[in-house]
Amino acid sequence: MAVEENPEQEFAPQKKKAASDDDKRRKKLAPGGLLKAVMRPGAGDSTPSDGDQVQFHCTIRTLDGVVVESTRTEVGGG
């Protein structure tokens, strides 16, 4: 299964949740814990099969929003 990426397609973030929702999630976060968010869900119904190669990106930020690590910068993305 091949995944085509459109480099001309600009990333448009989803509408942000109310700050109070984010604050509630952060207050429940234990020290050393993680928050997970899907920023842009995949399109279509296809899923990878055994043996398929997949690519995903991950960005690690502090609670203040400072980027600590990003797979996009490792592969030359922005």
N, C-alpha and C. Protein backbone atom coordinates (compact mmCIF):
# COMPACT_ATOMS: atom_id res chain seq x y z
N MET A 1 0.86 -1.17 0.00
CA MET A 1 0.00 0.00 0.00
C MET A 1 0.90 1.23 0.00
N ALA A 2 0.71 2.08 -0.96
CA ALA A 2 1.52 3.30 -1.07
C ALA A 2 0.74 4.48 -0.51
N VAL A 3 1.43 5.33 0.20
CA VAL A 3 0.82 6.53 0.74
C VAL A 3 1.38 7.71 -0.03
N GLU A 4 0.50 8.46 -0.66
CA GLU A 4 0.94 9.62 -1.41
C GLU A 4 0.80 10.85 -0.53
N GLU A 5 1.82 11.65 -0.54
CA GLU A 5 1.81 12.86 0.26
C GLU A 5 1.80 14.05 -0.68
N ASN A 6 0.92 14.99 -0.45
CA ASN A 6 0.82 16.17 -1.29
C ASN A 6 1.60 17.30 -0.63
N PRO A 7 2.81 17.61 -1.13
CA PRO A 7 3.61 18.66 -0.47
C PRO A 7 3.00 20.04 -0.59
N GLU A 8 2.09 20.23 -1.56
CA GLU A 8 1.46 21.53 -1.72
C GLU A 8 0.32 21.74 -0.72
N GLN A 9 -0.17 20.64 -0.14
CA GLN A 9 -1.28 20.75 0.81
C GLN A 9 -0.75 21.34 2.11
N GLU A 10 -1.28 22.44 2.49
CA GLU A 10 -0.85 23.15 3.70
C GLU A 10 -1.56 22.54 4.91
N PHE A 11 -0.83 22.39 6.01
CA PHE A 11 -1.43 21.88 7.24
C PHE A 11 -2.34 22.94 7.83
N ALA A 12 -3.60 22.59 8.01
CA ALA A 12 -4.56 23.50 8.61
C ALA A 12 -5.00 22.89 9.93
N PRO A 13 -4.59 23.45 11.07
CA PRO A 13 -4.96 22.87 12.35
C PRO A 13 -6.47 22.88 12.56
N GLN A 14 -6.92 21.86 13.25
CA GLN A 14 -8.34 21.77 13.59
C GLN A 14 -8.68 22.90 14.56
N LYS A 15 -9.97 23.21 14.64
CA LYS A 15 -10.40 24.26 15.56
C LYS A 15 -10.01 23.85 16.98
N LYS A 16 -9.40 24.77 17.69
CA LYS A 16 -8.91 24.48 19.03
C LYS A 16 -10.05 24.30 20.01
N LYS A 17 -9.87 23.34 20.92
CA LYS A 17 -10.85 23.14 21.99
C LYS A 17 -10.79 24.33 22.95
N ALA A 18 -11.81 24.46 23.71
CA ALA A 18 -11.83 25.53 24.71
C ALA A 18 -10.66 25.35 25.67
N ALA A 19 -10.07 26.44 26.09
CA ALA A 19 -8.91 26.37 26.99
C ALA A 19 -9.24 25.59 28.25
N SER A 20 -10.46 25.66 28.70
CA SER A 20 -10.82 24.96 29.93
C SER A 20 -10.70 23.45 29.75
N ASP A 21 -11.00 22.92 28.54
CA ASP A 21 -10.83 21.49 28.29
C ASP A 21 -9.36 21.09 28.39
N ASP A 22 -8.49 21.90 27.78
CA ASP A 22 -7.06 21.62 27.84
C ASP A 22 -6.56 21.71 29.27
N ASP A 23 -7.01 22.70 30.00
CA ASP A 23 -6.60 22.85 31.39
C ASP A 23 -7.01 21.65 32.24
N LYS A 24 -8.21 21.14 32.01
CA LYS A 24 -8.69 19.97 32.75
C LYS A 24 -7.80 18.77 32.48
N ARG A 25 -7.42 18.58 31.21
CA ARG A 25 -6.55 17.45 30.85
C ARG A 25 -5.18 17.60 31.51
N ARG A 26 -4.65 18.82 31.53
CA ARG A 26 -3.33 19.05 32.11
C ARG A 26 -3.34 18.83 33.62
N LYS A 27 -4.42 19.21 34.29
CA LYS A 27 -4.49 19.05 35.74
C LYS A 27 -4.51 17.57 36.13
N LYS A 28 -5.07 16.71 35.26
CA LYS A 28 -5.12 15.28 35.54
C LYS A 28 -3.80 14.58 35.21
N LEU A 29 -2.89 15.27 34.56
CA LEU A 29 -1.63 14.70 34.12
C LEU A 29 -0.68 14.48 35.29
N ALA A 30 -0.25 13.24 35.46
CA ALA A 30 0.71 12.91 36.52
C ALA A 30 2.10 13.32 36.08
N PRO A 31 2.99 13.62 37.00
CA PRO A 31 4.37 13.95 36.62
C PRO A 31 4.98 12.84 35.77
N GLY A 32 5.57 13.22 34.66
CA GLY A 32 6.15 12.24 33.75
C GLY A 32 5.14 11.64 32.79
N GLY A 33 3.89 12.06 32.88
CA GLY A 33 2.84 11.53 32.02
C GLY A 33 2.85 12.18 30.65
N LEU A 34 2.00 11.68 29.77
CA LEU A 34 1.91 12.18 28.40
C LEU A 34 0.49 12.58 28.06
N LEU A 35 0.36 13.61 27.24
CA LEU A 35 -0.92 13.97 26.63
C LEU A 35 -0.82 13.61 25.16
N LYS A 36 -1.87 13.03 24.61
CA LYS A 36 -1.87 12.63 23.21
C LYS A 36 -3.00 13.36 22.50
N ALA A 37 -2.71 13.84 21.30
CA ALA A 37 -3.73 14.52 20.51
C ALA A 37 -3.54 14.18 19.04
N VAL A 38 -4.62 13.90 18.34
CA VAL A 38 -4.57 13.68 16.90
C VAL A 38 -4.81 15.03 16.26
N MET A 39 -3.76 15.57 15.64
CA MET A 39 -3.84 16.90 15.05
C MET A 39 -4.52 16.89 13.68
N ARG A 40 -4.24 15.85 12.92
CA ARG A 40 -4.82 15.74 11.58
C ARG A 40 -5.06 14.26 11.32
N PRO A 41 -6.30 13.80 11.43
CA PRO A 41 -6.57 12.38 11.22
C PRO A 41 -6.33 12.00 9.77
N GLY A 42 -6.02 10.75 9.56
CA GLY A 42 -5.81 10.24 8.20
C GLY A 42 -7.09 10.28 7.39
N ALA A 43 -6.94 10.31 6.09
CA ALA A 43 -8.09 10.34 5.19
C ALA A 43 -8.35 8.93 4.67
N GLY A 44 -9.60 8.60 4.48
CA GLY A 44 -9.95 7.31 3.91
C GLY A 44 -10.12 6.24 4.96
N ASP A 45 -10.46 5.05 4.46
CA ASP A 45 -10.72 3.92 5.35
C ASP A 45 -9.62 2.88 5.32
N SER A 46 -8.60 3.06 4.48
CA SER A 46 -7.56 2.04 4.35
C SER A 46 -6.67 2.02 5.58
N THR A 47 -6.21 0.84 5.89
CA THR A 47 -5.29 0.65 7.01
C THR A 47 -4.12 -0.19 6.51
N PRO A 48 -2.95 -0.09 7.14
CA PRO A 48 -1.80 -0.87 6.70
C PRO A 48 -1.99 -2.36 6.98
N SER A 49 -1.41 -3.17 6.15
CA SER A 49 -1.41 -4.62 6.32
C SER A 49 -0.05 -5.05 6.84
N ASP A 50 0.04 -6.29 7.30
CA ASP A 50 1.33 -6.82 7.73
C ASP A 50 2.33 -6.69 6.60
N GLY A 51 3.50 -6.17 6.93
CA GLY A 51 4.56 -6.01 5.94
C GLY A 51 4.57 -4.65 5.26
N ASP A 52 3.52 -3.85 5.41
CA ASP A 52 3.48 -2.50 4.83
C ASP A 52 4.41 -1.58 5.62
N GLN A 53 4.98 -0.63 4.93
CA GLN A 53 5.80 0.37 5.58
C GLN A 53 4.93 1.60 5.81
N VAL A 54 4.94 2.13 7.02
CA VAL A 54 4.15 3.31 7.35
C VAL A 54 5.07 4.42 7.83
N GLN A 55 4.58 5.64 7.71
CA GLN A 55 5.33 6.80 8.19
C GLN A 55 4.41 7.63 9.07
N PHE A 56 4.91 8.03 10.21
CA PHE A 56 4.15 8.91 11.10
C PHE A 56 5.10 9.94 11.67
N HIS A 57 4.55 11.01 12.13
CA HIS A 57 5.36 12.07 12.73
C HIS A 57 4.89 12.32 14.15
N CYS A 58 5.85 12.68 14.99
CA CYS A 58 5.59 12.93 16.39
C CYS A 58 6.34 14.19 16.81
N THR A 59 5.67 15.06 17.53
CA THR A 59 6.32 16.26 18.07
C THR A 59 6.12 16.25 19.58
N ILE A 60 7.19 16.41 20.31
CA ILE A 60 7.14 16.43 21.78
C ILE A 60 7.30 17.88 22.21
N ARG A 61 6.34 18.36 23.00
CA ARG A 61 6.35 19.74 23.49
C ARG A 61 6.20 19.76 25.00
N THR A 62 6.70 20.82 25.61
CA THR A 62 6.46 21.03 27.03
C THR A 62 5.04 21.56 27.18
N LEU A 63 4.56 21.67 28.41
CA LEU A 63 3.22 22.21 28.61
C LEU A 63 3.11 23.66 28.15
N ASP A 64 4.25 24.34 28.06
CA ASP A 64 4.28 25.73 27.59
C ASP A 64 4.30 25.81 26.06
N GLY A 65 4.39 24.67 25.39
CA GLY A 65 4.38 24.66 23.93
C GLY A 65 5.74 24.68 23.27
N VAL A 66 6.81 24.60 24.05
CA VAL A 66 8.17 24.60 23.49
C VAL A 66 8.46 23.21 22.90
N VAL A 67 8.90 23.18 21.64
CA VAL A 67 9.20 21.91 20.98
C VAL A 67 10.51 21.35 21.54
N VAL A 68 10.44 20.13 22.07
CA VAL A 68 11.60 19.46 22.63
C VAL A 68 12.23 18.56 21.56
N GLU A 69 11.39 17.85 20.82
CA GLU A 69 11.86 16.95 19.78
C GLU A 69 10.77 16.81 18.73
N SER A 70 11.17 16.65 17.48
CA SER A 70 10.20 16.48 16.41
C SER A 70 10.78 15.58 15.33
N THR A 71 10.02 14.59 14.91
CA THR A 71 10.47 13.73 13.82
C THR A 71 10.47 14.49 12.50
N ARG A 72 9.70 15.54 12.38
CA ARG A 72 9.68 16.32 11.14
C ARG A 72 11.02 17.02 10.92
N THR A 73 11.64 17.53 11.96
CA THR A 73 12.93 18.19 11.79
C THR A 73 14.04 17.18 11.52
N GLU A 74 13.87 15.94 12.00
CA GLU A 74 14.87 14.91 11.77
C GLU A 74 14.93 14.48 10.31
N VAL A 75 13.78 14.54 9.60
CA VAL A 75 13.74 14.11 8.19
C VAL A 75 13.72 15.30 7.24
N GLY A 76 14.03 16.48 7.75
CA GLY A 76 14.13 17.66 6.90
C GLY A 76 12.84 18.41 6.70
N GLY A 77 11.80 18.07 7.45
CA GLY A 77 10.54 18.79 7.33
C GLY A 77 10.55 20.06 8.15
N GLY A 78 9.42 20.78 8.09
CA GLY A 78 9.39 22.05 8.81
C GLY A 78 8.57 22.06 10.01
